[in-house]
């Protein structure tokens, strides 16, 4: 399974999270016109983490998960953090923003994920 599918499935398959944001509101890179709150994600870096006989055995991915909402997103944020950490994503950083052009709150959560070859 590729990393995009792993992230999407991790978030989409959590019933508590989909109850908070609604069904089909998790998107890779860019969301189509949709009511918020919603979540986008992307992979901003990846590199070989472990090599055996010049063969990459493990890859480390840097993943960004963005929460978009016109209202307080704290409950969504807490659930995303729990779901990601329970699925072997390690949180690297987090930032809060307010997007003036769209009048929307924006939470950035960055994670590291190590995937073994063939998994």
N, C-alpha and C. Protein backbone atom coordinates (compact mmCIF):
# COMPACT_ATOMS: atom_id res chain seq x y z
N UNK A 1 0.86 -1.18 0.00
CA UNK A 1 0.00 0.00 0.00
C UNK A 1 0.90 1.24 0.00
N UNK A 2 0.57 2.24 -0.81
CA UNK A 2 1.40 3.44 -0.85
C UNK A 2 1.05 4.39 0.31
N UNK A 3 1.94 5.32 0.57
CA UNK A 3 1.81 6.20 1.74
C UNK A 3 0.54 7.05 1.67
N UNK A 4 0.15 7.49 0.49
CA UNK A 4 -1.08 8.29 0.38
C UNK A 4 -2.30 7.50 0.82
N UNK A 5 -2.35 6.24 0.42
CA UNK A 5 -3.47 5.38 0.81
C UNK A 5 -3.43 5.08 2.31
N UNK A 6 -2.22 4.91 2.86
CA UNK A 6 -2.09 4.66 4.30
C UNK A 6 -2.64 5.84 5.10
N UNK A 7 -2.25 7.06 4.72
CA UNK A 7 -2.73 8.25 5.44
C UNK A 7 -4.24 8.39 5.28
N UNK A 8 -4.71 8.28 4.04
CA UNK A 8 -6.14 8.42 3.79
C UNK A 8 -6.95 7.39 4.58
N UNK A 9 -6.54 6.14 4.53
CA UNK A 9 -7.26 5.10 5.26
C UNK A 9 -7.20 5.31 6.76
N UNK A 10 -6.05 5.72 7.27
CA UNK A 10 -5.90 5.97 8.70
C UNK A 10 -6.92 6.98 9.18
N UNK A 11 -7.07 8.07 8.45
CA UNK A 11 -8.01 9.12 8.85
C UNK A 11 -9.46 8.78 8.50
N UNK A 12 -9.69 8.29 7.30
CA UNK A 12 -11.06 8.04 6.83
C UNK A 12 -11.75 6.90 7.55
N UNK A 13 -10.99 5.94 8.02
CA UNK A 13 -11.58 4.76 8.65
C UNK A 13 -11.89 4.95 10.13
N UNK A 14 -11.62 6.13 10.66
CA UNK A 14 -11.91 6.38 12.07
C UNK A 14 -13.31 6.98 12.20
N UNK A 15 -14.21 6.22 12.80
CA UNK A 15 -15.61 6.64 12.91
C UNK A 15 -15.77 7.92 13.73
N UNK A 16 -15.02 8.05 14.81
CA UNK A 16 -15.14 9.25 15.64
C UNK A 16 -14.74 10.50 14.86
N UNK A 17 -13.68 10.38 14.05
CA UNK A 17 -13.25 11.52 13.25
C UNK A 17 -14.28 11.86 12.18
N UNK A 18 -14.79 10.86 11.48
CA UNK A 18 -15.79 11.17 10.45
C UNK A 18 -17.08 11.70 11.06
N UNK A 19 -17.39 11.33 12.28
CA UNK A 19 -18.55 11.93 12.96
C UNK A 19 -18.32 13.41 13.23
N UNK A 20 -17.08 13.80 13.46
CA UNK A 20 -16.76 15.21 13.73
C UNK A 20 -16.75 16.07 12.47
N UNK A 21 -16.25 15.53 11.37
CA UNK A 21 -16.11 16.35 10.16
C UNK A 21 -17.11 15.99 9.07
N UNK A 22 -17.69 14.82 9.13
CA UNK A 22 -18.60 14.35 8.09
C UNK A 22 -17.92 13.35 7.18
N UNK A 23 -18.72 12.66 6.38
CA UNK A 23 -18.21 11.65 5.46
C UNK A 23 -17.54 12.31 4.25
N UNK A 24 -16.53 11.65 3.72
CA UNK A 24 -15.86 12.06 2.47
C UNK A 24 -15.34 13.50 2.53
N UNK A 25 -14.68 13.85 3.62
CA UNK A 25 -14.15 15.21 3.76
C UNK A 25 -12.66 15.21 4.08
N UNK A 26 -11.97 14.18 3.57
CA UNK A 26 -10.52 14.07 3.71
C UNK A 26 -9.95 13.98 2.30
N UNK A 27 -9.02 14.90 1.98
CA UNK A 27 -8.55 15.05 0.61
C UNK A 27 -7.03 15.08 0.54
N UNK A 28 -6.49 14.54 -0.55
CA UNK A 28 -5.06 14.63 -0.82
C UNK A 28 -4.78 15.97 -1.49
N UNK A 29 -3.94 16.76 -0.93
CA UNK A 29 -3.44 18.07 -1.35
C UNK A 29 -4.51 19.16 -1.33
N UNK A 30 -5.57 19.01 -2.12
CA UNK A 30 -6.53 20.10 -2.28
C UNK A 30 -7.96 19.56 -2.21
N UNK A 31 -8.78 20.24 -1.45
CA UNK A 31 -10.18 19.83 -1.37
C UNK A 31 -10.98 20.54 -2.45
N UNK A 32 -11.94 19.85 -3.05
CA UNK A 32 -12.85 20.55 -3.95
C UNK A 32 -13.72 21.48 -3.11
N UNK A 33 -14.49 22.29 -3.74
CA UNK A 33 -15.39 23.17 -2.98
C UNK A 33 -16.22 22.30 -2.06
N UNK A 34 -16.08 22.53 -0.78
CA UNK A 34 -16.78 21.70 0.20
C UNK A 34 -17.05 22.52 1.45
N UNK A 35 -18.05 22.12 2.17
CA UNK A 35 -18.33 22.77 3.44
C UNK A 35 -17.27 22.33 4.45
N UNK A 36 -16.88 23.24 5.31
CA UNK A 36 -15.92 22.85 6.33
C UNK A 36 -16.66 22.46 7.60
N UNK A 37 -16.04 21.75 8.50
CA UNK A 37 -14.61 21.44 8.51
C UNK A 37 -14.27 20.31 7.53
N UNK A 38 -13.00 20.30 7.12
CA UNK A 38 -12.47 19.23 6.30
C UNK A 38 -10.98 19.12 6.55
N UNK A 39 -10.39 18.06 6.02
CA UNK A 39 -8.97 17.77 6.22
C UNK A 39 -8.32 17.56 4.87
N UNK A 40 -7.12 18.12 4.71
CA UNK A 40 -6.27 17.80 3.57
C UNK A 40 -4.95 17.25 4.11
N UNK A 41 -4.24 16.54 3.25
CA UNK A 41 -2.92 16.03 3.65
C UNK A 41 -2.03 15.93 2.42
N UNK A 42 -0.73 15.93 2.64
CA UNK A 42 0.23 15.69 1.57
C UNK A 42 1.54 15.20 2.16
N UNK A 43 2.38 14.64 1.29
CA UNK A 43 3.69 14.17 1.69
C UNK A 43 4.68 15.25 1.25
N UNK A 44 5.40 15.84 2.21
CA UNK A 44 6.30 16.93 1.84
C UNK A 44 7.76 16.51 1.76
N UNK A 45 8.08 15.27 2.13
CA UNK A 45 9.44 14.76 1.97
C UNK A 45 9.43 13.26 2.17
N UNK A 46 10.37 12.58 1.54
CA UNK A 46 10.56 11.15 1.77
C UNK A 46 11.99 10.79 1.40
N UNK A 47 12.53 9.81 2.10
CA UNK A 47 13.91 9.40 1.84
C UNK A 47 14.16 8.02 2.43
N UNK A 48 15.20 7.36 1.91
CA UNK A 48 15.58 6.06 2.43
C UNK A 48 16.06 6.17 3.86
N UNK A 49 15.58 5.27 4.70
CA UNK A 49 15.92 5.29 6.13
C UNK A 49 16.86 4.15 6.50
N UNK A 50 16.74 3.01 5.83
CA UNK A 50 17.58 1.85 6.12
C UNK A 50 17.87 1.12 4.82
N UNK A 51 19.15 0.79 4.62
CA UNK A 51 19.57 0.08 3.43
C UNK A 51 20.28 -1.21 3.82
N UNK A 52 20.04 -2.27 3.04
CA UNK A 52 20.74 -3.54 3.20
C UNK A 52 21.25 -3.93 1.82
N UNK A 53 22.57 -4.07 1.68
CA UNK A 53 23.19 -4.39 0.39
C UNK A 53 22.70 -3.44 -0.70
N UNK A 54 22.70 -2.14 -0.38
CA UNK A 54 22.29 -1.08 -1.31
C UNK A 54 20.82 -1.13 -1.72
N UNK A 55 20.02 -1.87 -0.98
CA UNK A 55 18.58 -1.93 -1.25
C UNK A 55 17.85 -1.21 -0.12
N UNK A 56 16.99 -0.30 -0.50
CA UNK A 56 16.23 0.46 0.51
C UNK A 56 15.21 -0.46 1.18
N UNK A 57 15.39 -0.69 2.47
CA UNK A 57 14.50 -1.55 3.24
C UNK A 57 13.41 -0.77 3.96
N UNK A 58 13.72 0.48 4.33
CA UNK A 58 12.75 1.33 5.02
C UNK A 58 12.80 2.72 4.42
N UNK A 59 11.63 3.33 4.30
CA UNK A 59 11.50 4.70 3.80
C UNK A 59 10.85 5.54 4.88
N UNK A 60 11.40 6.73 5.11
CA UNK A 60 10.76 7.66 6.05
C UNK A 60 10.01 8.72 5.26
N UNK A 61 8.76 8.92 5.63
CA UNK A 61 7.91 9.92 4.99
C UNK A 61 7.60 11.04 5.97
N UNK A 62 7.56 12.25 5.46
CA UNK A 62 7.14 13.42 6.22
C UNK A 62 5.77 13.81 5.69
N UNK A 63 4.78 13.76 6.57
CA UNK A 63 3.38 13.94 6.19
C UNK A 63 2.81 15.17 6.89
N UNK A 64 2.09 15.99 6.14
CA UNK A 64 1.39 17.13 6.74
C UNK A 64 -0.11 16.90 6.64
N UNK A 65 -0.78 17.06 7.78
CA UNK A 65 -2.24 16.97 7.86
C UNK A 65 -2.76 18.35 8.23
N UNK A 66 -3.67 18.89 7.43
CA UNK A 66 -4.23 20.23 7.65
C UNK A 66 -5.71 20.12 8.00
N UNK A 67 -6.09 20.78 9.07
CA UNK A 67 -7.50 20.85 9.48
C UNK A 67 -7.99 22.25 9.13
N UNK A 68 -9.13 22.34 8.46
CA UNK A 68 -9.71 23.61 8.03
C UNK A 68 -11.09 23.75 8.64
N UNK A 69 -11.36 24.88 9.31
CA UNK A 69 -12.66 25.04 9.96
C UNK A 69 -12.97 26.51 10.20
N UNK A 70 -14.24 26.86 10.09
CA UNK A 70 -14.67 28.23 10.41
C UNK A 70 -14.87 28.40 11.91
N UNK A 71 -14.89 27.30 12.65
CA UNK A 71 -15.12 27.34 14.10
C UNK A 71 -13.99 26.59 14.82
N UNK A 72 -14.10 26.51 16.12
CA UNK A 72 -13.10 25.84 16.93
C UNK A 72 -12.89 24.39 16.46
N UNK A 73 -11.66 24.04 16.19
CA UNK A 73 -11.33 22.71 15.69
C UNK A 73 -10.63 21.83 16.72
N UNK A 74 -10.63 22.23 17.98
CA UNK A 74 -9.88 21.52 19.01
C UNK A 74 -10.24 20.04 19.10
N UNK A 75 -11.52 19.72 19.07
CA UNK A 75 -11.94 18.32 19.18
C UNK A 75 -11.46 17.50 17.97
N UNK A 76 -11.50 18.11 16.80
CA UNK A 76 -11.01 17.44 15.59
C UNK A 76 -9.50 17.22 15.71
N UNK A 77 -8.80 18.26 16.12
CA UNK A 77 -7.35 18.16 16.29
C UNK A 77 -6.98 17.03 17.25
N UNK A 78 -7.63 16.98 18.39
CA UNK A 78 -7.33 15.94 19.39
C UNK A 78 -7.56 14.54 18.82
N UNK A 79 -8.61 14.39 18.03
CA UNK A 79 -8.90 13.08 17.45
C UNK A 79 -7.87 12.72 16.38
N UNK A 80 -7.49 13.68 15.52
CA UNK A 80 -6.48 13.42 14.50
C UNK A 80 -5.17 12.99 15.17
N UNK A 81 -4.75 13.72 16.20
CA UNK A 81 -3.51 13.38 16.90
C UNK A 81 -3.58 11.95 17.44
N UNK A 82 -4.68 11.61 18.07
CA UNK A 82 -4.82 10.27 18.65
C UNK A 82 -4.79 9.19 17.56
N UNK A 83 -5.54 9.41 16.49
CA UNK A 83 -5.61 8.42 15.41
C UNK A 83 -4.24 8.23 14.76
N UNK A 84 -3.57 9.32 14.46
CA UNK A 84 -2.26 9.22 13.80
C UNK A 84 -1.25 8.51 14.71
N UNK A 85 -1.19 8.91 15.97
CA UNK A 85 -0.23 8.30 16.88
C UNK A 85 -0.55 6.83 17.13
N UNK A 86 -1.82 6.45 17.14
CA UNK A 86 -2.19 5.05 17.31
C UNK A 86 -1.87 4.20 16.09
N UNK A 87 -1.52 4.85 14.98
CA UNK A 87 -1.20 4.14 13.74
C UNK A 87 0.25 4.36 13.31
N UNK A 88 1.12 4.54 14.30
CA UNK A 88 2.58 4.60 14.10
C UNK A 88 3.10 5.84 13.40
N UNK A 89 2.33 6.92 13.41
CA UNK A 89 2.83 8.21 12.94
C UNK A 89 3.37 8.95 14.16
N UNK A 90 4.55 9.54 14.04
CA UNK A 90 5.16 10.28 15.13
C UNK A 90 5.03 11.77 14.84
N UNK A 91 4.40 12.51 15.77
CA UNK A 91 4.19 13.94 15.53
C UNK A 91 5.52 14.68 15.61
N UNK A 92 5.77 15.52 14.62
CA UNK A 92 7.00 16.29 14.54
C UNK A 92 6.78 17.75 14.90
N UNK A 93 5.63 18.31 14.53
CA UNK A 93 5.35 19.71 14.85
C UNK A 93 3.88 20.02 14.62
N UNK A 94 3.46 21.19 15.12
CA UNK A 94 2.08 21.64 14.94
C UNK A 94 2.05 23.16 14.99
N UNK A 95 1.22 23.76 14.15
CA UNK A 95 1.07 25.22 14.11
C UNK A 95 -0.40 25.58 13.92
N UNK A 96 -0.77 26.73 14.47
CA UNK A 96 -2.11 27.28 14.30
C UNK A 96 -2.04 28.51 13.42
N UNK A 97 -2.99 28.61 12.49
CA UNK A 97 -3.06 29.76 11.59
C UNK A 97 -4.51 30.23 11.46
N UNK A 98 -4.65 31.46 11.01
CA UNK A 98 -5.95 31.97 10.57
C UNK A 98 -5.74 32.52 9.18
N UNK A 99 -6.51 32.01 8.22
CA UNK A 99 -6.38 32.43 6.82
C UNK A 99 -7.31 33.62 6.58
N UNK A 100 -6.74 34.81 6.52
CA UNK A 100 -7.54 36.03 6.36
C UNK A 100 -8.33 36.07 5.06
N UNK A 101 -7.74 35.54 3.98
CA UNK A 101 -8.41 35.62 2.69
C UNK A 101 -9.69 34.77 2.63
N UNK A 102 -9.74 33.70 3.41
CA UNK A 102 -10.92 32.83 3.39
C UNK A 102 -11.66 32.79 4.73
N UNK A 103 -11.16 33.55 5.71
CA UNK A 103 -11.78 33.59 7.05
C UNK A 103 -11.96 32.20 7.64
N UNK A 104 -10.88 31.44 7.62
CA UNK A 104 -10.94 30.06 8.09
C UNK A 104 -9.74 29.77 9.00
N UNK A 105 -10.01 29.00 10.06
CA UNK A 105 -8.94 28.56 10.95
C UNK A 105 -8.25 27.36 10.31
N UNK A 106 -6.94 27.27 10.53
CA UNK A 106 -6.13 26.26 9.85
C UNK A 106 -5.12 25.69 10.85
N UNK A 107 -5.22 24.42 11.11
CA UNK A 107 -4.27 23.72 11.98
C UNK A 107 -3.38 22.85 11.13
N UNK A 108 -2.06 22.99 11.31
CA UNK A 108 -1.08 22.18 10.60
C UNK A 108 -0.47 21.19 11.58
N UNK A 109 -0.54 19.92 11.23
CA UNK A 109 0.07 18.85 12.02
C UNK A 109 1.04 18.10 11.13
N UNK A 110 2.30 18.01 11.56
CA UNK A 110 3.30 17.30 10.76
C UNK A 110 3.74 16.03 11.48
N UNK A 111 3.89 14.97 10.69
CA UNK A 111 4.22 13.65 11.21
C UNK A 111 5.34 12.99 10.43
N UNK A 112 6.04 12.08 11.10
CA UNK A 112 7.01 11.20 10.47
C UNK A 112 6.41 9.79 10.47
N UNK A 113 6.68 9.06 9.39
CA UNK A 113 6.18 7.69 9.29
C UNK A 113 7.24 6.86 8.59
N UNK A 114 7.58 5.72 9.17
CA UNK A 114 8.56 4.82 8.57
C UNK A 114 7.83 3.60 8.04
N UNK A 115 8.05 3.34 6.75
CA UNK A 115 7.39 2.21 6.08
C UNK A 115 8.45 1.22 5.63
N UNK A 116 8.23 -0.05 5.97
CA UNK A 116 9.13 -1.10 5.53
C UNK A 116 8.79 -1.51 4.10
N UNK A 117 9.82 -1.85 3.35
CA UNK A 117 9.64 -2.26 1.97
C UNK A 117 8.69 -3.45 1.89
N UNK A 118 7.77 -3.39 0.94
CA UNK A 118 6.84 -4.49 0.74
C UNK A 118 5.62 -4.45 1.65
N UNK A 119 5.51 -3.43 2.47
CA UNK A 119 4.35 -3.33 3.37
C UNK A 119 3.53 -2.13 3.02
